[in-house]
């Protein structure tokens, strides 16, 4: 028979504890909230009142419902008030000693059949449980912040947690309107184990001055559709909290990618904790404020592009999806575009692809017929490289094979006029290799458009050690003129987006490979818990497992970081021909 958790205790009324108390009381549960002193209770009560008042203002609760909700919560400063609780959820700060003391005391006070849960985001539930005489009735209940909004709850079982306790807790969480995923006791669980490796990697990029904080955050927002960039998200979480989670994960995994970046410790020591202190990676207009204000690191509102070269005529080499998308983007913005293909038939087919895309934009009301006709009139299909001789900018978008790209750049070096900017839209290959194939390496830059180029706002402007300053300025000005968001970075494998994205995807495959969680649960955890647009396995199937494996191999060969080594499971799936949606089978099977 399923346990009924009608009275639930919440220990700790910080942001998470107060949020959990609200979630419980919303569904009719009687809540006993306990904090260490009256000041803590006052802060928790204030948080609950503000949160429920906002819900009323937004029409999500009536005033009567709010009053009923708040009436179900009682407050106390002594754990003895929890003697009659059916379930107790601990939400005190992330310190094992503190949590152990709370559970030891709860074990003494509460009924033998009461179930204990910890909201820890990274500490061992097993270790917490041994401080009680009932380790079989101890679970993790990891709610996500803000608890009243986010649906995901990670239900963490240990090797000794009783199966009926897990089943009862899952049923209870579902009754709260949440989405539970059941997992084993491992540092970081699903969401944090995948999220914090990515966040730590971003800090290391910033620490090495590879990219600015603004460019790192813009890259992940516009390139991956993430709701926040990694450094802004760390400021929201709190740098001290992030450090503790990473440190716990590292001590359990011994994975160097989880070792907290030294910069985090330095910032914490300096009191730069993020939004809660008013300063972190960014500066805010007050403590706990989301409003970023300019500081000494803020770039000028308008960058100086006076040194940029004039660009009126653009060449695009290639006939694939990326190439035709780039042609369309330039033509719609008024540039004359020369589309170079290997044959007249391929050139005609590529122009037809552009025409169909423009027609689609017209049918959806996003483009006027006159603008469609004008854009098409600006596109000239050619076969000979010599027809690119008068272009001011040439963008190479051929197959992602270095030998092919180098051959293209040798040809361009022969035919293009002096001062022409030569760009590659490679997503992971070294731009300097393309530059070295020419006698003008200062004129070569990376312009990594994202697919589909007509839709995606981001362009990574990749500067090699040889790229001239006015070429970088030209690339930036052209991107801005196209209505794109340019982010600047150095010539390193993966640039910004792929270098941050693919190790995270690889970690997800390793988690699946270890049978820690199912693909559906991992996807659900990242979409619901972290508000990502797609789960890692959905995304891998869309990108293509062969493409993903090639990028991961490139990253591993460049950085020689053990944690970047592609997961064997990914290699096996590629060998088996399960490449994702394009073959109908990847991590999932798709209808024909």
Protein backbone atom coordinates (compact mmCIF):
# COMPACT_ATOMS: atom_id res chain seq x y z
CA UNK A 1 0.00 0.00 0.00
CA UNK A 2 1.33 3.42 -1.00
CA UNK A 3 2.42 5.69 1.84
CA UNK A 4 0.50 8.91 2.27
CA UNK A 5 2.68 11.94 2.91
CA UNK A 6 0.05 14.31 4.28
CA UNK A 7 2.33 16.21 6.69
CA UNK A 8 5.75 17.15 5.37
CA UNK A 9 8.56 18.95 7.15
CA UNK A 10 10.95 21.32 5.39
CA UNK A 11 14.23 22.06 7.15
CA UNK A 12 15.92 25.24 5.95
CA UNK A 13 13.96 28.19 4.56
CA UNK A 14 16.43 29.66 2.10
CA UNK A 15 15.40 30.17 -1.52
CA UNK A 16 15.11 26.45 -2.20
CA UNK A 17 13.47 25.49 1.10
CA UNK A 18 10.86 28.23 0.82
CA UNK A 19 10.19 27.25 -2.79
CA UNK A 20 9.72 23.60 -1.83
CA UNK A 21 7.37 24.58 1.00
CA UNK A 22 5.29 26.56 -1.50
CA UNK A 23 5.13 23.62 -3.94
CA UNK A 24 3.96 21.29 -1.16
CA UNK A 25 1.35 23.67 0.25
CA UNK A 26 -0.07 24.36 -3.23
CA UNK A 27 -1.22 20.74 -3.48
CA UNK A 28 -2.92 20.62 -0.08
CA UNK A 29 -0.06 19.17 1.96
CA UNK A 30 0.36 20.37 5.54
CA UNK A 31 3.85 21.84 5.82
CA UNK A 32 5.94 22.33 8.96
CA UNK A 33 8.79 24.70 8.12
CA UNK A 34 11.83 24.82 10.40
CA UNK A 35 14.81 27.15 10.39
CA UNK A 36 17.60 27.79 12.84
CA UNK A 37 16.25 31.06 14.26
CA UNK A 38 13.46 33.63 14.02
CA UNK A 39 15.42 35.67 11.48
CA UNK A 40 15.62 32.63 9.21
CA UNK A 41 11.91 32.00 9.59
CA UNK A 42 11.16 35.65 8.80
CA UNK A 43 13.25 35.51 5.62
CA UNK A 44 11.51 32.30 4.55
CA UNK A 45 8.04 33.65 5.29
CA UNK A 46 8.89 36.86 3.39
CA UNK A 47 10.06 34.83 0.39
CA UNK A 48 6.85 32.78 0.40
CA UNK A 49 4.66 35.85 0.64
CA UNK A 50 6.47 37.63 -2.19
CA UNK A 51 6.35 34.54 -4.39
CA UNK A 52 2.66 33.90 -3.86
CA UNK A 53 1.84 37.60 -4.26
CA UNK A 54 3.57 37.49 -7.67
CA UNK A 55 1.52 34.41 -8.56
CA UNK A 56 -1.68 36.30 -7.71
CA UNK A 57 -0.55 39.32 -9.74
CA UNK A 58 0.09 37.05 -12.74
CA UNK A 59 -3.27 35.34 -12.44
CA UNK A 60 -1.81 31.97 -11.46
CA UNK A 61 -3.41 32.01 -8.02
CA UNK A 62 -6.49 33.74 -6.65
CA UNK A 63 -6.15 35.73 -3.44
CA UNK A 64 -8.20 33.08 -1.64
CA UNK A 65 -5.96 30.30 -2.95
CA UNK A 66 -2.89 32.19 -1.78
CA UNK A 67 -4.38 32.63 1.69
CA UNK A 68 -5.25 28.91 1.84
CA UNK A 69 -1.75 27.98 0.70
CA UNK A 70 -0.06 30.13 3.34
CA UNK A 71 -2.41 28.85 6.05
CA UNK A 72 -1.13 25.29 5.49
CA UNK A 73 2.41 26.29 6.50
CA UNK A 74 3.43 26.51 10.16
CA UNK A 75 6.83 27.75 11.34
CA UNK A 76 9.18 26.66 14.11
CA UNK A 77 12.79 26.96 15.18
CA UNK A 78 13.00 23.46 16.68
CA UNK A 79 13.26 20.15 14.83
CA UNK A 80 10.97 18.66 17.51
CA UNK A 81 8.07 20.25 15.63
CA UNK A 82 8.64 17.54 12.98
CA UNK A 83 7.88 14.61 15.32
CA UNK A 84 4.63 13.83 13.50
CA UNK A 85 5.85 14.35 9.93
CA UNK A 86 5.42 11.59 7.34
CA UNK A 87 8.24 12.98 5.18
CA UNK A 88 10.98 15.51 5.96
CA UNK A 89 12.81 17.38 3.19
CA UNK A 90 16.16 18.88 4.22
CA UNK A 91 17.26 22.04 2.36
CA UNK A 92 20.08 23.44 4.50
CA UNK A 93 23.38 24.75 3.01
CA UNK A 94 25.60 22.32 1.05
CA UNK A 95 27.87 21.22 3.90
CA UNK A 96 28.05 17.54 4.76
CA UNK A 97 28.71 18.19 8.47
CA UNK A 98 25.61 20.35 8.78
CA UNK A 99 23.39 17.92 6.88
CA UNK A 100 24.70 14.96 8.91
CA UNK A 101 23.86 16.74 12.16
CA UNK A 102 20.32 17.53 10.92
CA UNK A 103 19.66 13.92 9.89
CA UNK A 104 21.05 12.52 13.13
CA UNK A 105 18.69 14.74 15.10
CA UNK A 106 15.71 13.99 12.83
CA UNK A 107 16.33 10.26 13.30
CA UNK A 108 16.02 10.74 17.05
CA UNK A 109 12.86 12.85 16.86
CA UNK A 110 10.75 11.42 14.01
CA UNK A 111 8.63 8.26 13.83
CA UNK A 112 10.48 5.10 12.71
CA UNK A 113 8.41 4.94 9.50
CA UNK A 114 9.03 8.57 8.50
CA UNK A 115 10.94 9.04 5.23
CA UNK A 116 13.85 11.50 5.03
CA UNK A 117 14.89 13.34 1.88
CA UNK A 118 17.75 15.71 1.07
CA UNK A 119 17.53 18.43 -1.56
CA UNK A 120 21.32 18.33 -2.02
CA UNK A 121 22.47 19.00 -5.57
CA UNK A 122 25.77 17.13 -5.32
CA UNK A 123 26.50 15.52 -1.94
CA UNK A 124 26.27 11.76 -1.38
CA UNK A 125 22.84 10.58 -0.24
CA UNK A 126 24.48 7.36 0.94
CA UNK A 127 26.80 9.29 3.24
CA UNK A 128 23.92 11.38 4.54
CA UNK A 129 21.83 8.27 5.17
CA UNK A 130 24.41 6.51 7.34
CA UNK A 131 23.98 9.25 9.94
CA UNK A 132 20.55 7.79 10.67
CA UNK A 133 19.32 4.43 11.89
CA UNK A 134 17.08 4.19 8.81
CA UNK A 135 19.31 4.47 5.69
CA UNK A 136 16.75 2.46 3.73
CA UNK A 137 14.26 5.30 4.18
CA UNK A 138 16.61 8.07 3.00
CA UNK A 139 16.42 9.44 -0.57
CA UNK A 140 17.50 12.47 -2.51
CA UNK A 141 14.76 14.85 -3.66
CA UNK A 142 16.58 17.37 -5.80
CA UNK A 143 14.20 20.18 -6.78
CA UNK A 144 15.42 22.82 -9.22
CA UNK A 145 15.37 26.56 -8.68
CA UNK A 146 12.81 28.16 -8.75
CA UNK A 147 11.01 25.15 -7.29
CA UNK A 148 7.46 26.49 -7.92
CA UNK A 149 8.25 26.85 -11.64
CA UNK A 150 10.62 24.07 -12.71
CA UNK A 151 9.02 20.64 -13.09
CA UNK A 152 12.03 18.37 -12.81
CA UNK A 153 12.78 16.55 -9.55
CA UNK A 154 15.68 14.09 -9.38
CA UNK A 155 14.74 11.20 -7.06
CA UNK A 156 18.04 9.74 -5.88
CA UNK A 157 18.14 6.19 -4.54
CA UNK A 158 21.11 4.63 -2.81
CA UNK A 159 22.10 0.96 -2.87
CA UNK A 160 20.17 0.46 0.39
CA UNK A 161 17.08 2.61 -0.25
CA UNK A 162 13.99 0.43 0.05
CA UNK A 163 12.22 -0.03 -3.33
CA UNK A 164 8.80 0.79 -1.86
CA UNK A 165 10.18 4.07 -0.46
CA UNK A 166 11.37 5.04 -3.95
CA UNK A 167 8.00 4.09 -5.48
CA UNK A 168 6.06 6.03 -2.85
CA UNK A 169 8.25 9.13 -3.20
CA UNK A 170 7.93 9.04 -7.01
CA UNK A 171 4.13 8.84 -6.72
CA UNK A 172 4.18 11.75 -4.27
CA UNK A 173 6.34 13.89 -6.58
CA UNK A 174 4.01 13.16 -9.50
CA UNK A 175 1.11 14.26 -7.29
CA UNK A 176 2.89 17.61 -6.85
CA UNK A 177 2.66 18.10 -10.62
CA UNK A 178 6.39 17.52 -11.05
CA UNK A 179 8.35 15.27 -13.41
CA UNK A 180 10.45 12.80 -11.38
CA UNK A 181 13.45 10.92 -12.78
CA UNK A 182 14.91 8.11 -10.66
CA UNK A 183 18.71 7.86 -10.58
CA UNK A 184 21.56 6.41 -8.55
CA UNK A 185 23.70 8.20 -6.01
CA UNK A 186 26.46 9.90 -8.00
CA UNK A 187 27.91 13.39 -7.53
CA UNK A 188 25.94 15.93 -9.52
CA UNK A 189 23.20 13.40 -10.37
CA UNK A 190 22.08 13.98 -14.01
CA UNK A 191 21.59 17.68 -14.53
CA UNK A 192 24.44 19.09 -12.47
CA UNK A 193 26.89 16.39 -13.58
CA UNK A 194 26.34 17.49 -17.18
CA UNK A 195 25.76 21.20 -16.57
CA UNK A 196 28.68 22.02 -14.31
CA UNK A 197 31.35 20.42 -16.49
CA UNK A 198 30.16 22.75 -19.27
CA UNK A 199 30.09 25.77 -16.95
CA UNK A 200 33.59 25.03 -15.66
CA UNK A 201 34.88 24.71 -19.23
CA UNK A 202 33.43 28.15 -20.02
CA UNK A 203 35.23 29.65 -17.01
CA UNK A 204 38.51 28.17 -18.22
CA UNK A 205 37.94 29.71 -21.66
CA UNK A 206 37.35 33.10 -20.06
CA UNK A 207 40.26 32.64 -17.66
CA UNK A 208 42.63 32.04 -20.60
CA UNK A 209 41.29 35.17 -22.35
CA UNK A 210 40.19 33.08 -25.30
CA UNK A 211 36.96 35.07 -25.53
CA UNK A 212 35.22 37.86 -23.61
CA UNK A 213 32.44 37.12 -21.14
CA UNK A 214 29.94 38.80 -23.49
CA UNK A 215 31.04 36.73 -26.49
CA UNK A 216 31.03 33.46 -24.55
CA UNK A 217 27.50 34.09 -23.31
CA UNK A 218 26.19 35.38 -26.66
CA UNK A 219 27.68 32.36 -28.44
CA UNK A 220 25.72 29.85 -26.37
CA UNK A 221 22.50 31.88 -26.39
CA UNK A 222 22.44 32.50 -30.12
CA UNK A 223 24.32 29.40 -31.28
CA UNK A 224 22.50 26.81 -29.13
CA UNK A 225 19.32 28.61 -28.09
CA UNK A 226 20.25 28.41 -24.40
CA UNK A 227 18.21 30.74 -22.16
CA UNK A 228 21.37 32.09 -20.51
CA UNK A 229 25.06 32.12 -21.29
CA UNK A 230 27.35 30.08 -18.99
CA UNK A 231 28.92 33.00 -17.10
CA UNK A 232 25.59 34.77 -16.54
CA UNK A 233 24.19 31.46 -15.31
CA UNK A 234 27.08 31.03 -12.87
CA UNK A 235 26.35 34.50 -11.51
CA UNK A 236 22.73 33.44 -10.98
CA UNK A 237 23.66 30.16 -9.28
CA UNK A 238 26.34 31.78 -7.12
CA UNK A 239 30.05 31.20 -7.67
CA UNK A 240 30.51 29.78 -4.18
CA UNK A 241 27.71 27.25 -4.75
CA UNK A 242 29.16 26.33 -8.15
CA UNK A 243 32.60 25.84 -6.62
CA UNK A 244 31.26 23.51 -3.93
CA UNK A 245 29.36 21.43 -6.48
CA UNK A 246 32.39 21.15 -8.78
CA UNK A 247 34.71 20.32 -5.90
CA UNK A 248 32.36 17.56 -4.70
CA UNK A 249 32.08 16.17 -8.23
CA UNK A 250 35.85 16.23 -8.69
CA UNK A 251 36.56 14.40 -5.45
CA UNK A 252 34.18 11.64 -6.48
CA UNK A 253 34.98 11.43 -10.22
CA UNK A 254 38.66 12.52 -10.25
CA UNK A 255 37.80 13.89 -13.68
CA UNK A 256 40.03 16.91 -14.33
CA UNK A 257 37.18 18.60 -16.19
CA UNK A 258 35.35 18.83 -12.84
CA UNK A 259 38.31 20.42 -11.00
CA UNK A 260 37.10 23.98 -10.28
CA UNK A 261 38.82 26.57 -12.48
CA UNK A 262 41.29 28.55 -10.30
CA UNK A 263 39.56 31.79 -11.27
CA UNK A 264 36.43 30.66 -9.39
CA UNK A 265 38.34 30.41 -6.10
CA UNK A 266 39.99 33.79 -6.66
CA UNK A 267 36.65 35.48 -7.32
CA UNK A 268 35.03 33.84 -4.28
CA UNK A 269 37.91 34.98 -2.07
CA UNK A 270 37.45 38.52 -3.41
CA UNK A 271 33.73 38.40 -2.51
CA UNK A 272 32.58 38.25 -6.15
CA UNK A 273 29.85 35.65 -5.72
CA UNK A 274 27.49 36.66 -8.51
CA UNK A 275 24.10 38.33 -8.30
CA UNK A 276 23.74 37.74 -4.56
CA UNK A 277 26.78 39.95 -3.88
CA UNK A 278 26.13 42.41 -6.73
CA UNK A 279 29.26 41.36 -8.61
CA UNK A 280 30.49 38.18 -10.23
CA UNK A 281 31.52 37.79 -13.83
CA UNK A 282 29.27 40.81 -14.41
CA UNK A 283 28.41 43.81 -12.25
CA UNK A 284 24.78 44.32 -11.13
CA UNK A 285 22.92 47.40 -9.94
CA UNK A 286 22.53 45.91 -6.45
CA UNK A 287 22.63 42.70 -4.47
CA UNK A 288 20.23 40.02 -5.76
CA UNK A 289 19.50 42.14 -8.83
CA UNK A 290 19.31 40.68 -12.36
CA UNK A 291 20.13 44.06 -13.94
CA UNK A 292 23.65 44.18 -15.40
CA UNK A 293 25.37 47.57 -15.36
CA UNK A 294 28.49 48.61 -17.29
CA UNK A 295 31.86 48.13 -15.65
CA UNK A 296 35.52 48.35 -16.66
CA UNK A 297 35.24 45.16 -18.74
CA UNK A 298 32.14 46.18 -20.68
CA UNK A 299 32.95 46.63 -24.39
CA UNK A 300 32.13 49.93 -26.07
CA UNK A 301 28.60 50.12 -27.42
CA UNK A 302 29.95 50.66 -30.93
CA UNK A 303 33.18 49.09 -32.05
CA UNK A 304 35.51 51.05 -34.30
CA UNK A 305 35.18 49.63 -37.81
CA UNK A 306 36.74 52.62 -39.55
CA UNK A 307 39.67 50.42 -40.61
CA UNK A 308 37.39 47.84 -42.23
CA UNK A 309 37.81 47.16 -45.94
CA UNK A 310 34.96 47.92 -48.30
CA UNK A 311 32.83 44.91 -49.24
CA UNK A 312 30.27 45.12 -52.03
CA UNK A 313 30.72 41.96 -54.05
CA UNK A 314 30.84 38.59 -52.26
CA UNK A 315 31.82 35.17 -53.55
CA UNK A 316 30.48 31.96 -52.00
CA UNK A 317 32.06 28.60 -52.85
CA UNK A 318 29.91 25.52 -52.43
CA UNK A 319 26.42 24.23 -53.19
CA UNK A 320 25.36 22.57 -49.95
CA UNK A 321 22.81 23.76 -47.41
CA UNK A 322 25.28 26.04 -45.65
CA UNK A 323 26.58 27.59 -48.88
CA UNK A 324 23.13 28.35 -50.31
CA UNK A 325 21.99 29.72 -46.96
CA UNK A 326 24.94 32.12 -46.89
CA UNK A 327 24.24 33.17 -50.49
CA UNK A 328 20.64 33.97 -49.53
CA UNK A 329 21.69 35.96 -46.45
CA UNK A 330 24.08 38.17 -48.46
CA UNK A 331 21.73 38.61 -51.43
CA UNK A 332 18.81 39.68 -49.22
CA UNK A 333 21.04 42.35 -47.65
CA UNK A 334 21.88 43.93 -50.99
CA UNK A 335 25.27 42.37 -51.76
CA UNK A 336 26.10 41.14 -55.27
CA UNK A 337 26.86 37.44 -54.83
CA UNK A 338 28.90 35.13 -57.08
CA UNK A 339 28.01 31.49 -56.38
CA UNK A 340 30.80 29.18 -57.53
CA UNK A 341 30.02 25.49 -58.13
CA UNK A 342 31.97 22.61 -59.68
CA UNK A 343 29.63 22.37 -62.67
CA UNK A 344 26.95 24.38 -64.42
CA UNK A 345 24.29 21.87 -63.34
CA UNK A 346 25.34 22.11 -59.68
CA UNK A 347 25.36 25.91 -59.94
CA UNK A 348 21.84 25.97 -61.37
CA UNK A 349 20.59 23.54 -58.72
CA UNK A 350 22.11 25.72 -55.98
CA UNK A 351 20.41 28.86 -57.31
CA UNK A 352 17.14 26.91 -57.47
CA UNK A 353 17.61 25.99 -53.81
CA UNK A 354 18.02 29.68 -52.97
CA UNK A 355 14.91 30.50 -55.00
CA UNK A 356 12.81 27.89 -53.16
CA UNK A 357 13.96 29.20 -49.79
CA UNK A 358 13.06 32.76 -50.80
CA UNK A 359 9.66 31.56 -52.06
CA UNK A 360 9.03 29.96 -48.69
CA UNK A 361 9.82 33.28 -46.98
CA UNK A 362 7.34 35.03 -49.28
CA UNK A 363 4.60 32.47 -48.62
CA UNK A 364 5.08 32.97 -44.87
CA UNK A 365 4.80 36.74 -45.20
CA UNK A 366 8.42 37.34 -44.20
CA UNK A 367 9.59 38.69 -47.55
CA UNK A 368 7.98 40.82 -50.25
CA UNK A 369 7.87 39.43 -53.79
CA UNK A 370 9.86 42.41 -55.07
CA UNK A 371 12.58 41.75 -52.48
CA UNK A 372 12.67 38.09 -53.52
CA UNK A 373 13.15 39.04 -57.16
CA UNK A 374 15.81 41.61 -56.30
CA UNK A 375 17.73 39.11 -54.16
CA UNK A 376 17.70 36.47 -56.90
CA UNK A 377 18.85 39.03 -59.47
CA UNK A 378 21.95 39.70 -57.36
CA UNK A 379 23.08 36.03 -57.52
CA UNK A 380 25.40 35.04 -60.36
CA UNK A 381 26.21 31.30 -60.72
CA UNK A 382 29.69 30.49 -62.04
CA UNK A 383 31.98 27.50 -62.48
CA UNK A 384 35.44 29.02 -62.87
CA UNK A 385 37.45 30.31 -59.91
CA UNK A 386 38.57 33.20 -62.12
CA UNK A 387 35.01 34.57 -61.97
CA UNK A 388 35.70 35.44 -58.32
CA UNK A 389 38.53 37.79 -59.28
CA UNK A 390 36.67 41.01 -58.51
CA UNK A 391 35.05 39.88 -55.23
CA UNK A 392 35.85 41.87 -52.09
CA UNK A 393 35.04 38.91 -49.81
CA UNK A 394 35.01 35.20 -50.63
CA UNK A 395 33.42 32.70 -48.23
CA UNK A 396 34.41 29.05 -48.64
CA UNK A 397 31.65 26.60 -47.64
CA UNK A 398 32.74 23.28 -49.15
CA UNK A 399 33.02 19.84 -47.52
CA UNK A 400 34.55 19.71 -44.02
CA UNK A 401 37.78 18.12 -45.26
CA UNK A 402 41.02 20.02 -44.75
CA UNK A 403 42.64 18.88 -47.99
CA UNK A 404 39.63 20.07 -50.01
CA UNK A 405 39.56 23.43 -48.25
CA UNK A 406 43.29 23.97 -48.73
CA UNK A 407 42.94 23.30 -52.47
CA UNK A 408 40.18 25.93 -52.61
CA UNK A 409 42.35 28.52 -50.84
CA UNK A 410 45.28 27.84 -53.18
CA UNK A 411 42.96 28.57 -56.10
CA UNK A 412 41.64 31.73 -54.45
CA UNK A 413 45.19 32.94 -53.82
CA UNK A 414 45.81 32.70 -57.56
CA UNK A 415 42.71 34.54 -58.79
CA UNK A 416 41.49 36.98 -56.11
CA UNK A 417 42.48 40.63 -56.23
CA UNK A 418 44.91 42.04 -53.65
CA UNK A 419 43.07 43.08 -50.49
CA UNK A 420 40.20 40.61 -50.92
CA UNK A 421 39.17 38.99 -47.62
CA UNK A 422 39.19 35.18 -47.78
CA UNK A 423 36.96 33.42 -45.22
CA UNK A 424 36.20 29.83 -44.29
CA UNK A 425 33.00 28.76 -42.59
CA UNK A 426 34.58 25.63 -41.10
CA UNK A 427 33.06 24.55 -37.79
CA UNK A 428 36.12 22.83 -36.34
CA UNK A 429 39.13 22.70 -38.67
CA UNK A 430 42.14 25.03 -38.15
CA UNK A 431 41.68 28.30 -40.04
CA UNK A 432 45.46 28.81 -40.06
CA UNK A 433 45.81 25.71 -42.26
CA UNK A 434 43.65 27.40 -44.89
CA UNK A 435 45.63 30.63 -44.48
CA UNK A 436 48.95 28.80 -44.85
CA UNK A 437 47.83 27.48 -48.24
CA UNK A 438 47.91 31.06 -49.53
CA UNK A 439 50.58 33.70 -49.89
CA UNK A 440 48.34 36.16 -48.03
CA UNK A 441 47.64 34.64 -44.59
CA UNK A 442 46.82 38.09 -43.17
CA UNK A 443 43.74 38.24 -45.41
CA UNK A 444 42.27 34.93 -44.14
CA UNK A 445 39.66 34.75 -41.35
CA UNK A 446 37.09 32.27 -40.07
CA UNK A 447 33.40 33.16 -40.51
CA UNK A 448 31.54 30.28 -38.91
CA UNK A 449 27.86 30.67 -39.78
CA UNK A 450 25.38 28.38 -38.03
CA UNK A 451 22.83 26.22 -39.80
CA UNK A 452 20.37 27.31 -41.12
CA UNK A 453 22.26 30.50 -41.95
CA UNK A 454 19.04 32.30 -42.91
CA UNK A 455 17.70 31.84 -39.36
CA UNK A 456 20.61 31.55 -36.94
CA UNK A 457 21.92 34.89 -35.68
CA UNK A 458 25.36 33.80 -34.54
CA UNK A 459 28.60 34.03 -36.54
CA UNK A 460 31.92 33.11 -34.92
CA UNK A 461 34.65 35.43 -36.23
CA UNK A 462 37.84 33.39 -35.91
CA UNK A 463 41.15 35.22 -35.89
CA UNK A 464 44.40 33.34 -36.53
CA UNK A 465 47.82 34.51 -35.33
CA UNK A 466 48.32 35.91 -38.86
CA UNK A 467 44.96 37.62 -39.48
CA UNK A 468 45.30 41.36 -40.05
CA UNK A 469 43.39 43.70 -37.72
CA UNK A 470 41.48 45.34 -40.58
CA UNK A 471 40.38 41.90 -41.81
CA UNK A 472 38.87 41.14 -38.39
CA UNK A 473 37.20 44.57 -38.44
CA UNK A 474 35.84 43.84 -41.92
CA UNK A 475 34.44 40.48 -40.85
CA UNK A 476 32.73 42.07 -37.86
CA UNK A 477 31.23 44.92 -39.88
CA UNK A 478 29.90 42.54 -42.54
CA UNK A 479 28.26 40.35 -39.86
CA UNK A 480 26.59 43.35 -38.27
CA UNK A 481 25.40 44.53 -41.69
CA UNK A 482 23.86 41.08 -42.24
CA UNK A 483 21.93 41.45 -38.97
CA UNK A 484 24.03 38.76 -37.33
CA UNK A 485 25.61 38.59 -33.86
CA UNK A 486 29.41 38.30 -34.30
CA UNK A 487 31.47 36.79 -31.49
CA UNK A 488 35.25 36.84 -31.60
CA UNK A 489 37.60 34.01 -30.70
CA UNK A 490 40.97 32.53 -31.50
CA UNK A 491 41.77 29.73 -33.92
CA UNK A 492 41.28 26.69 -31.70
CA UNK A 493 39.41 23.44 -32.37
CA UNK A 494 35.67 23.91 -31.93
CA UNK A 495 35.98 27.69 -31.49
CA UNK A 496 33.47 28.67 -28.75
CA UNK A 497 30.20 26.83 -29.35
CA UNK A 498 31.40 23.41 -30.45
CA UNK A 499 34.21 23.41 -27.88
CA UNK A 500 31.64 23.92 -25.11
CA UNK A 501 28.77 21.91 -26.60
CA UNK A 502 30.38 18.65 -27.69
CA UNK A 503 32.21 17.72 -24.47
CA UNK A 504 28.82 18.12 -22.73
CA UNK A 505 27.16 15.86 -25.34
CA UNK A 506 30.00 13.36 -24.94
CA UNK A 507 29.51 13.36 -21.15
CA UNK A 508 25.83 12.55 -21.70
CA UNK A 509 26.75 9.56 -23.89
CA UNK A 510 29.18 8.34 -21.22
CA UNK A 511 26.42 8.65 -18.61
CA UNK A 512 24.12 6.51 -20.78
CA UNK A 513 26.93 4.06 -21.49
CA UNK A 514 27.45 3.59 -17.74
CA UNK A 515 23.73 2.69 -17.37
CA UNK A 516 23.35 5.54 -14.89
CA UNK A 517 20.17 6.84 -16.51
CA UNK A 518 18.08 6.24 -19.63
CA UNK A 519 18.34 8.54 -22.66
CA UNK A 520 14.76 9.75 -22.10
CA UNK A 521 15.48 10.65 -18.47
CA UNK A 522 18.72 12.44 -19.36
CA UNK A 523 16.98 14.44 -22.09
CA UNK A 524 14.11 15.26 -19.74
CA UNK A 525 16.51 16.36 -17.00
CA UNK A 526 18.34 18.79 -19.27
CA UNK A 527 15.22 20.19 -20.91
CA UNK A 528 13.11 20.54 -17.76
CA UNK A 529 15.84 21.08 -15.18
CA UNK A 530 18.08 23.40 -17.22
CA UNK A 531 15.53 24.85 -19.68
CA UNK A 532 17.54 23.72 -22.71
CA UNK A 533 15.69 23.60 -26.04
CA UNK A 534 16.71 19.98 -26.72
CA UNK A 535 18.09 17.11 -24.69
CA UNK A 536 21.58 15.85 -25.55
CA UNK A 537 20.40 12.71 -27.37
CA UNK A 538 17.74 14.57 -29.34
CA UNK A 539 20.43 17.03 -30.40
CA UNK A 540 22.99 14.34 -31.29
CA UNK A 541 20.43 12.63 -33.52
CA UNK A 542 19.66 15.94 -35.26
CA UNK A 543 23.33 16.92 -35.74
CA UNK A 544 24.28 13.42 -36.91
CA UNK A 545 26.31 10.96 -34.88
CA UNK A 546 29.04 10.80 -37.53
CA UNK A 547 29.39 14.60 -37.57
CA UNK A 548 29.41 14.67 -33.76
CA UNK A 549 32.06 11.97 -33.58
CA UNK A 550 34.27 13.83 -36.07
CA UNK A 551 34.04 17.03 -34.00
CA UNK A 552 34.78 15.17 -30.76
CA UNK A 553 37.81 13.50 -32.33
CA UNK A 554 39.07 16.90 -33.49
CA UNK A 555 38.68 18.35 -29.99
CA UNK A 556 40.44 15.38 -28.42
CA UNK A 557 43.36 15.51 -30.87
CA UNK A 558 43.85 19.24 -30.31
CA UNK A 559 43.56 19.39 -26.51
CA UNK A 560 44.66 15.81 -25.61
CA UNK A 561 42.25 16.03 -22.69
CA UNK A 562 41.23 12.56 -21.49
CA UNK A 563 37.70 13.75 -20.74
CA UNK A 564 37.26 14.77 -24.40
CA UNK A 565 37.93 11.25 -25.68
CA UNK A 566 34.82 10.19 -27.64
CA UNK A 567 32.58 7.74 -25.79
CA UNK A 568 32.98 4.20 -27.20
CA UNK A 569 29.19 3.92 -27.46
CA UNK A 570 29.14 6.82 -29.95
CA UNK A 571 31.84 5.16 -32.05
CA UNK A 572 29.95 1.84 -32.01
CA UNK A 573 26.69 3.47 -33.15
CA UNK A 574 28.47 5.22 -36.02
CA UNK A 575 30.12 1.96 -37.12
CA UNK A 576 26.68 0.31 -37.03
CA UNK A 577 25.33 3.00 -39.38
CA UNK A 578 23.05 4.52 -36.74
CA UNK A 579 23.81 8.13 -37.60
CA UNK A 580 20.66 9.82 -36.29
CA UNK A 581 17.60 11.18 -38.00
CA UNK A 582 19.21 11.18 -41.45
CA UNK A 583 19.38 7.36 -41.39
CA UNK A 584 16.21 6.85 -39.34
CA UNK A 585 18.16 5.34 -36.43
CA UNK A 586 20.47 6.90 -33.87
CA UNK A 587 20.00 6.94 -30.13
CA UNK A 588 16.33 6.52 -31.02
CA UNK A 589 14.47 4.97 -33.95
CA UNK A 590 12.48 7.30 -36.21
CA UNK A 591 9.52 6.59 -38.44
CA UNK A 592 10.34 6.31 -42.13
